[in-house]
Amino acid sequence: MTEPELKDIEDYDTLKGSKKRAVWIVIVAGLTIGSLYTVVSNKYSKVNDSLEINDPIQKVKFGK
């Protein structure tokens, strides 16, 4: 059994048929999932309640 060479691959230069369709399906699915994630994260990630914290420690001594 030998290793495949580029000249033996039928669609090395261009994708045709089902391989081309599969690549486009993956691209469209990725863009769709990314768009949905962006919309949902923008809608539900806004924080309306926040707590004010008054911490008296302004500086922390480093070392001994």
PDB file of N, CA and C in Angstrom:
ATOM      1  N   MET A   1       0.847  -1.177   0.000  1.00  0.00           N
ATOM      2  CA  MET A   1       0.000   0.000   0.000  1.00  0.00           C
ATOM      3  C   MET A   1       0.892   1.240   0.000  1.00  0.00           C
ATOM      4  N   THR A   2       0.639   2.137  -0.932  1.00  0.00           N
ATOM      5  CA  THR A   2       1.459   3.328  -1.036  1.00  0.00           C
ATOM      6  C   THR A   2       0.696   4.545  -0.530  1.00  0.00           C
ATOM      7  N   GLU A   3       1.427   5.595  -0.256  1.00  0.00           N
ATOM      8  CA  GLU A   3       0.799   6.842   0.193  1.00  0.00           C
ATOM      9  C   GLU A   3       0.141   7.537  -0.997  1.00  0.00           C
ATOM     10  N   PRO A   4      -0.993   8.234  -0.766  1.00  0.00           N
ATOM     11  CA  PRO A   4      -1.641   8.944  -1.871  1.00  0.00           C
ATOM     12  C   PRO A   4      -0.810  10.143  -2.320  1.00  0.00           C
ATOM     13  N   GLU A   5      -0.845  10.422  -3.589  1.00  0.00           N
ATOM     14  CA  GLU A   5      -0.143  11.573  -4.152  1.00  0.00           C
ATOM     15  C   GLU A   5      -1.167  12.563  -4.674  1.00  0.00           C
ATOM     16  N   LEU A   6      -0.779  13.815  -4.758  1.00  0.00           N
ATOM     17  CA  LEU A   6      -1.694  14.858  -5.209  1.00  0.00           C
ATOM     18  C   LEU A   6      -2.227  14.592  -6.611  1.00  0.00           C
ATOM     19  N   LYS A   7      -1.408  14.018  -7.471  1.00  0.00           N
ATOM     20  CA  LYS A   7      -1.862  13.767  -8.835  1.00  0.00           C
ATOM     21  C   LYS A   7      -2.923  12.669  -8.896  1.00  0.00           C
ATOM     22  N   ASP A   8      -3.002  11.839  -7.849  1.00  0.00           N
ATOM     23  CA  ASP A   8      -3.996  10.765  -7.802  1.00  0.00           C
ATOM     24  C   ASP A   8      -5.349  11.230  -7.261  1.00  0.00           C
ATOM     25  N   ILE A   9      -5.364  12.353  -6.592  1.00  0.00           N
ATOM     26  CA  ILE A   9      -6.617  12.858  -6.031  1.00  0.00           C
ATOM     27  C   ILE A   9      -7.410  13.523  -7.148  1.00  0.00           C
ATOM     28  N   GLU A  10      -8.648  13.075  -7.349  1.00  0.00           N
ATOM     29  CA  GLU A  10      -9.452  13.544  -8.476  1.00  0.00           C
ATOM     30  C   GLU A  10      -9.801  15.020  -8.398  1.00  0.00           C
ATOM     31  N   ASP A  11     -10.212  15.490  -7.227  1.00  0.00           N
ATOM     32  CA  ASP A  11     -10.688  16.873  -7.120  1.00  0.00           C
ATOM     33  C   ASP A  11      -9.728  17.733  -6.303  1.00  0.00           C
ATOM     34  N   TYR A  12      -8.437  17.600  -6.566  1.00  0.00           N
ATOM     35  CA  TYR A  12      -7.438  18.369  -5.828  1.00  0.00           C
ATOM     36  C   TYR A  12      -7.585  19.867  -6.084  1.00  0.00           C
ATOM     37  N   ASP A  13      -7.769  20.262  -7.328  1.00  0.00           N
ATOM     38  CA  ASP A  13      -7.838  21.687  -7.664  1.00  0.00           C
ATOM     39  C   ASP A  13      -9.221  22.282  -7.408  1.00  0.00           C
ATOM     40  N   THR A  14     -10.263  21.545  -7.636  1.00  0.00           N
ATOM     41  CA  THR A  14     -11.617  22.064  -7.444  1.00  0.00           C
ATOM     42  C   THR A  14     -12.471  21.028  -6.734  1.00  0.00           C
ATOM     43  N   LEU A  15     -13.363  21.513  -5.878  1.00  0.00           N
ATOM     44  CA  LEU A  15     -14.320  20.613  -5.242  1.00  0.00           C
ATOM     45  C   LEU A  15     -15.536  20.481  -6.147  1.00  0.00           C
ATOM     46  N   LYS A  16     -16.023  19.269  -6.277  1.00  0.00           N
ATOM     47  CA  LYS A  16     -17.185  19.030  -7.125  1.00  0.00           C
ATOM     48  C   LYS A  16     -18.150  18.104  -6.406  1.00  0.00           C
ATOM     49  N   GLY A  17     -19.419  18.240  -6.729  1.00  0.00           N
ATOM     50  CA  GLY A  17     -20.434  17.302  -6.258  1.00  0.00           C
ATOM     51  C   GLY A  17     -20.699  17.353  -4.771  1.00  0.00           C
ATOM     52  N   SER A  18     -20.742  16.159  -4.177  1.00  0.00           N
ATOM     53  CA  SER A  18     -21.147  16.055  -2.777  1.00  0.00           C
ATOM     54  C   SER A  18     -20.119  16.663  -1.823  1.00  0.00           C
ATOM     55  N   LYS A  19     -18.838  16.645  -2.191  1.00  0.00           N
ATOM     56  CA  LYS A  19     -17.825  17.258  -1.326  1.00  0.00           C
ATOM     57  C   LYS A  19     -18.019  18.764  -1.256  1.00  0.00           C
ATOM     58  N   LYS A  20     -18.314  19.372  -2.393  1.00  0.00           N
ATOM     59  CA  LYS A  20     -18.544  20.814  -2.425  1.00  0.00           C
ATOM     60  C   LYS A  20     -19.788  21.160  -1.603  1.00  0.00           C
ATOM     61  N   ARG A  21     -20.826  20.367  -1.729  1.00  0.00           N
ATOM     62  CA  ARG A  21     -22.063  20.585  -0.979  1.00  0.00           C
ATOM     63  C   ARG A  21     -21.803  20.445   0.519  1.00  0.00           C
ATOM     64  N   ALA A  22     -21.005  19.461   0.911  1.00  0.00           N
ATOM     65  CA  ALA A  22     -20.696  19.242   2.325  1.00  0.00           C
ATOM     66  C   ALA A  22     -19.921  20.426   2.903  1.00  0.00           C
ATOM     67  N   VAL A  23     -18.991  20.963   2.128  1.00  0.00           N
ATOM     68  CA  VAL A  23     -18.226  22.129   2.590  1.00  0.00           C
ATOM     69  C   VAL A  23     -19.156  23.320   2.797  1.00  0.00           C
ATOM     70  N   TRP A  24     -20.067  23.551   1.864  1.00  0.00           N
ATOM     71  CA  TRP A  24     -21.000  24.678   2.003  1.00  0.00           C
ATOM     72  C   TRP A  24     -21.958  24.484   3.172  1.00  0.00           C
ATOM     73  N   ILE A  25     -22.372  23.256   3.415  1.00  0.00           N
ATOM     74  CA  ILE A  25     -23.250  22.983   4.563  1.00  0.00           C
ATOM     75  C   ILE A  25     -22.525  23.300   5.865  1.00  0.00           C
ATOM     76  N   VAL A  26     -21.267  22.910   5.968  1.00  0.00           N
ATOM     77  CA  VAL A  26     -20.485  23.200   7.178  1.00  0.00           C
ATOM     78  C   VAL A  26     -20.308  24.696   7.365  1.00  0.00           C
ATOM     79  N   ILE A  27     -20.023  25.422   6.284  1.00  0.00           N
ATOM     80  CA  ILE A  27     -19.842  26.876   6.374  1.00  0.00           C
ATOM     81  C   ILE A  27     -21.133  27.553   6.797  1.00  0.00           C
ATOM     82  N   VAL A  28     -22.244  27.197   6.179  1.00  0.00           N
ATOM     83  CA  VAL A  28     -23.536  27.813   6.508  1.00  0.00           C
ATOM     84  C   VAL A  28     -23.949  27.463   7.938  1.00  0.00           C
ATOM     85  N   ALA A  29     -23.726  26.226   8.355  1.00  0.00           N
ATOM     86  CA  ALA A  29     -24.066  25.819   9.719  1.00  0.00           C
ATOM     87  C   ALA A  29     -23.235  26.599  10.733  1.00  0.00           C
ATOM     88  N   GLY A  30     -21.968  26.781  10.464  1.00  0.00           N
ATOM     89  CA  GLY A  30     -21.104  27.549  11.368  1.00  0.00           C
ATOM     90  C   GLY A  30     -21.545  28.991  11.484  1.00  0.00           C
ATOM     91  N   LEU A  31     -21.877  29.606  10.358  1.00  0.00           N
ATOM     92  CA  LEU A  31     -22.345  30.992  10.384  1.00  0.00           C
ATOM     93  C   LEU A  31     -23.684  31.116  11.104  1.00  0.00           C
ATOM     94  N   THR A  32     -24.569  30.150  10.901  1.00  0.00           N
ATOM     95  CA  THR A  32     -25.876  30.172  11.556  1.00  0.00           C
ATOM     96  C   THR A  32     -25.733  30.024  13.069  1.00  0.00           C
ATOM     97  N   ILE A  33     -24.942  29.068  13.498  1.00  0.00           N
ATOM     98  CA  ILE A  33     -24.733  28.858  14.932  1.00  0.00           C
ATOM     99  C   ILE A  33     -24.061  30.075  15.554  1.00  0.00           C
ATOM    100  N   GLY A  34     -23.085  30.648  14.876  1.00  0.00           N
ATOM    101  CA  GLY A  34     -22.418  31.848  15.382  1.00  0.00           C
ATOM    102  C   GLY A  34     -23.359  33.026  15.495  1.00  0.00           C
ATOM    103  N   SER A  35     -24.232  33.194  14.510  1.00  0.00           N
ATOM    104  CA  SER A  35     -25.210  34.288  14.545  1.00  0.00           C
ATOM    105  C   SER A  35     -26.203  34.112  15.683  1.00  0.00           C
ATOM    106  N   LEU A  36     -26.704  32.891  15.844  1.00  0.00           N
ATOM    107  CA  LEU A  36     -27.637  32.620  16.937  1.00  0.00           C
ATOM    108  C   LEU A  36     -26.985  32.853  18.296  1.00  0.00           C
ATOM    109  N   TYR A  37     -25.764  32.419  18.455  1.00  0.00           N
ATOM    110  CA  TYR A  37     -25.044  32.633  19.713  1.00  0.00           C
ATOM    111  C   TYR A  37     -24.880  34.115  20.001  1.00  0.00           C
ATOM    112  N   THR A  38     -24.530  34.900  18.983  1.00  0.00           N
ATOM    113  CA  THR A  38     -24.349  36.337  19.161  1.00  0.00           C
ATOM    114  C   THR A  38     -25.646  37.009  19.573  1.00  0.00           C
ATOM    115  N   VAL A  39     -26.744  36.666  18.918  1.00  0.00           N
ATOM    116  CA  VAL A  39     -28.044  37.268  19.239  1.00  0.00           C
ATOM    117  C   VAL A  39     -28.463  36.908  20.658  1.00  0.00           C
ATOM    118  N   VAL A  40     -28.353  35.639  21.007  1.00  0.00           N
ATOM    119  CA  VAL A  40     -28.775  35.197  22.339  1.00  0.00           C
ATOM    120  C   VAL A  40     -27.885  35.789  23.415  1.00  0.00           C
ATOM    121  N   SER A  41     -26.587  35.827  23.197  1.00  0.00           N
ATOM    122  CA  SER A  41     -25.690  36.363  24.221  1.00  0.00           C
ATOM    123  C   SER A  41     -25.880  37.862  24.397  1.00  0.00           C
ATOM    124  N   ASN A  42     -26.192  38.576  23.333  1.00  0.00           N
ATOM    125  CA  ASN A  42     -26.448  40.015  23.471  1.00  0.00           C
ATOM    126  C   ASN A  42     -27.761  40.281  24.183  1.00  0.00           C
ATOM    127  N   LYS A  43     -28.746  39.433  23.983  1.00  0.00           N
ATOM    128  CA  LYS A  43     -30.057  39.644  24.589  1.00  0.00           C
ATOM    129  C   LYS A  43     -30.045  39.316  26.080  1.00  0.00           C
ATOM    130  N   TYR A  44     -29.368  38.255  26.476  1.00  0.00           N
ATOM    131  CA  TYR A  44     -29.451  37.769  27.844  1.00  0.00           C
ATOM    132  C   TYR A  44     -28.229  38.080  28.705  1.00  0.00           C
ATOM    133  N   SER A  45     -27.251  38.772  28.191  1.00  0.00           N
ATOM    134  CA  SER A  45     -26.039  39.005  28.979  1.00  0.00           C
ATOM    135  C   SER A  45     -26.013  40.363  29.661  1.00  0.00           C
ATOM    136  N   LYS A  46     -27.054  41.154  29.533  1.00  0.00           N
ATOM    137  CA  LYS A  46     -27.083  42.461  30.175  1.00  0.00           C
ATOM    138  C   LYS A  46     -27.429  42.286  31.656  1.00  0.00           C
ATOM    139  N   VAL A  47     -26.617  42.891  32.512  1.00  0.00           N
ATOM    140  CA  VAL A  47     -26.835  42.795  33.949  1.00  0.00           C
ATOM    141  C   VAL A  47     -27.532  44.078  34.402  1.00  0.00           C
ATOM    142  N   ASN A  48     -28.710  43.914  34.991  1.00  0.00           N
ATOM    143  CA  ASN A  48     -29.470  45.073  35.448  1.00  0.00           C
ATOM    144  C   ASN A  48     -29.268  45.359  36.932  1.00  0.00           C
ATOM    145  N   ASP A  49     -28.857  44.384  37.680  1.00  0.00           N
ATOM    146  CA  ASP A  49     -28.636  44.604  39.104  1.00  0.00           C
ATOM    147  C   ASP A  49     -27.147  44.500  39.402  1.00  0.00           C
ATOM    148  N   SER A  50     -26.675  45.423  40.184  1.00  0.00           N
ATOM    149  CA  SER A  50     -25.271  45.408  40.552  1.00  0.00           C
ATOM    150  C   SER A  50     -25.157  45.808  42.018  1.00  0.00           C
ATOM    151  N   LEU A  51     -24.111  45.365  42.648  1.00  0.00           N
ATOM    152  CA  LEU A  51     -23.871  45.670  44.054  1.00  0.00           C
ATOM    153  C   LEU A  51     -22.704  46.633  44.163  1.00  0.00           C
ATOM    154  N   GLU A  52     -22.872  47.651  44.997  1.00  0.00           N
ATOM    155  CA  GLU A  52     -21.773  48.583  45.235  1.00  0.00           C
ATOM    156  C   GLU A  52     -20.946  48.023  46.369  1.00  0.00           C
ATOM    157  N   ILE A  53     -19.673  47.931  46.163  1.00  0.00           N
ATOM    158  CA  ILE A  53     -18.774  47.362  47.169  1.00  0.00           C
ATOM    159  C   ILE A  53     -17.831  48.459  47.640  1.00  0.00           C
ATOM    160  N   ASN A  54     -17.854  48.707  48.941  1.00  0.00           N
ATOM    161  CA  ASN A  54     -16.944  49.673  49.554  1.00  0.00           C
ATOM    162  C   ASN A  54     -15.877  48.896  50.307  1.00  0.00           C
ATOM    163  N   ASP A  55     -14.762  48.710  49.698  1.00  0.00           N
ATOM    164  CA  ASP A  55     -13.671  47.940  50.285  1.00  0.00           C
ATOM    165  C   ASP A  55     -12.643  48.915  50.851  1.00  0.00           C
ATOM    166  N   PRO A  56     -12.388  48.881  52.157  1.00  0.00           N
ATOM    167  CA  PRO A  56     -11.452  49.843  52.742  1.00  0.00           C
ATOM    168  C   PRO A  56      -9.994  49.571  52.367  1.00  0.00           C
ATOM    169  N   ILE A  57      -9.686  48.377  51.886  1.00  0.00           N
ATOM    170  CA  ILE A  57      -8.302  48.059  51.521  1.00  0.00           C
ATOM    171  C   ILE A  57      -8.016  48.643  50.149  1.00  0.00           C
ATOM    172  N   GLN A  58      -7.113  49.600  50.098  1.00  0.00           N
ATOM    173  CA  GLN A  58      -6.751  50.233  48.838  1.00  0.00           C
ATOM    174  C   GLN A  58      -5.455  49.660  48.265  1.00  0.00           C
ATOM    175  N   LYS A  59      -4.516  49.317  49.160  1.00  0.00           N
ATOM    176  CA  LYS A  59      -3.247  48.750  48.719  1.00  0.00           C
ATOM    177  C   LYS A  59      -2.960  47.492  49.509  1.00  0.00           C
ATOM    178  N   VAL A  60      -2.380  46.514  48.864  1.00  0.00           N
ATOM    179  CA  VAL A  60      -1.993  45.287  49.520  1.00  0.00           C
ATOM    180  C   VAL A  60      -0.467  45.233  49.537  1.00  0.00           C
ATOM    181  N   LYS A  61       0.088  45.037  50.730  1.00  0.00           N
ATOM    182  CA  LYS A  61       1.545  44.965  50.840  1.00  0.00           C
ATOM    183  C   LYS A  61       2.025  43.674  50.209  1.00  0.00           C
ATOM    184  N   PHE A  62       3.065  43.785  49.417  1.00  0.00           N
ATOM    185  CA  PHE A  62       3.626  42.632  48.717  1.00  0.00           C
ATOM    186  C   PHE A  62       4.940  42.282  49.369  1.00  0.00           C
ATOM    187  N   GLY A  63       5.090  41.056  49.729  1.00  0.00           N
ATOM    188  CA  GLY A  63       6.340  40.615  50.369  1.00  0.00           C
ATOM    189  C   GLY A  63       6.258  40.737  51.873  1.00  0.00           C
ATOM    190  N   LYS A  64       7.435  40.691  52.533  1.00  0.00           N
ATOM    191  CA  LYS A  64       7.479  40.742  54.003  1.00  0.00           C
ATOM    192  C   LYS A  64       7.732  42.118  54.529  1.00  0.00           C
TER     193      LYS A  64
END
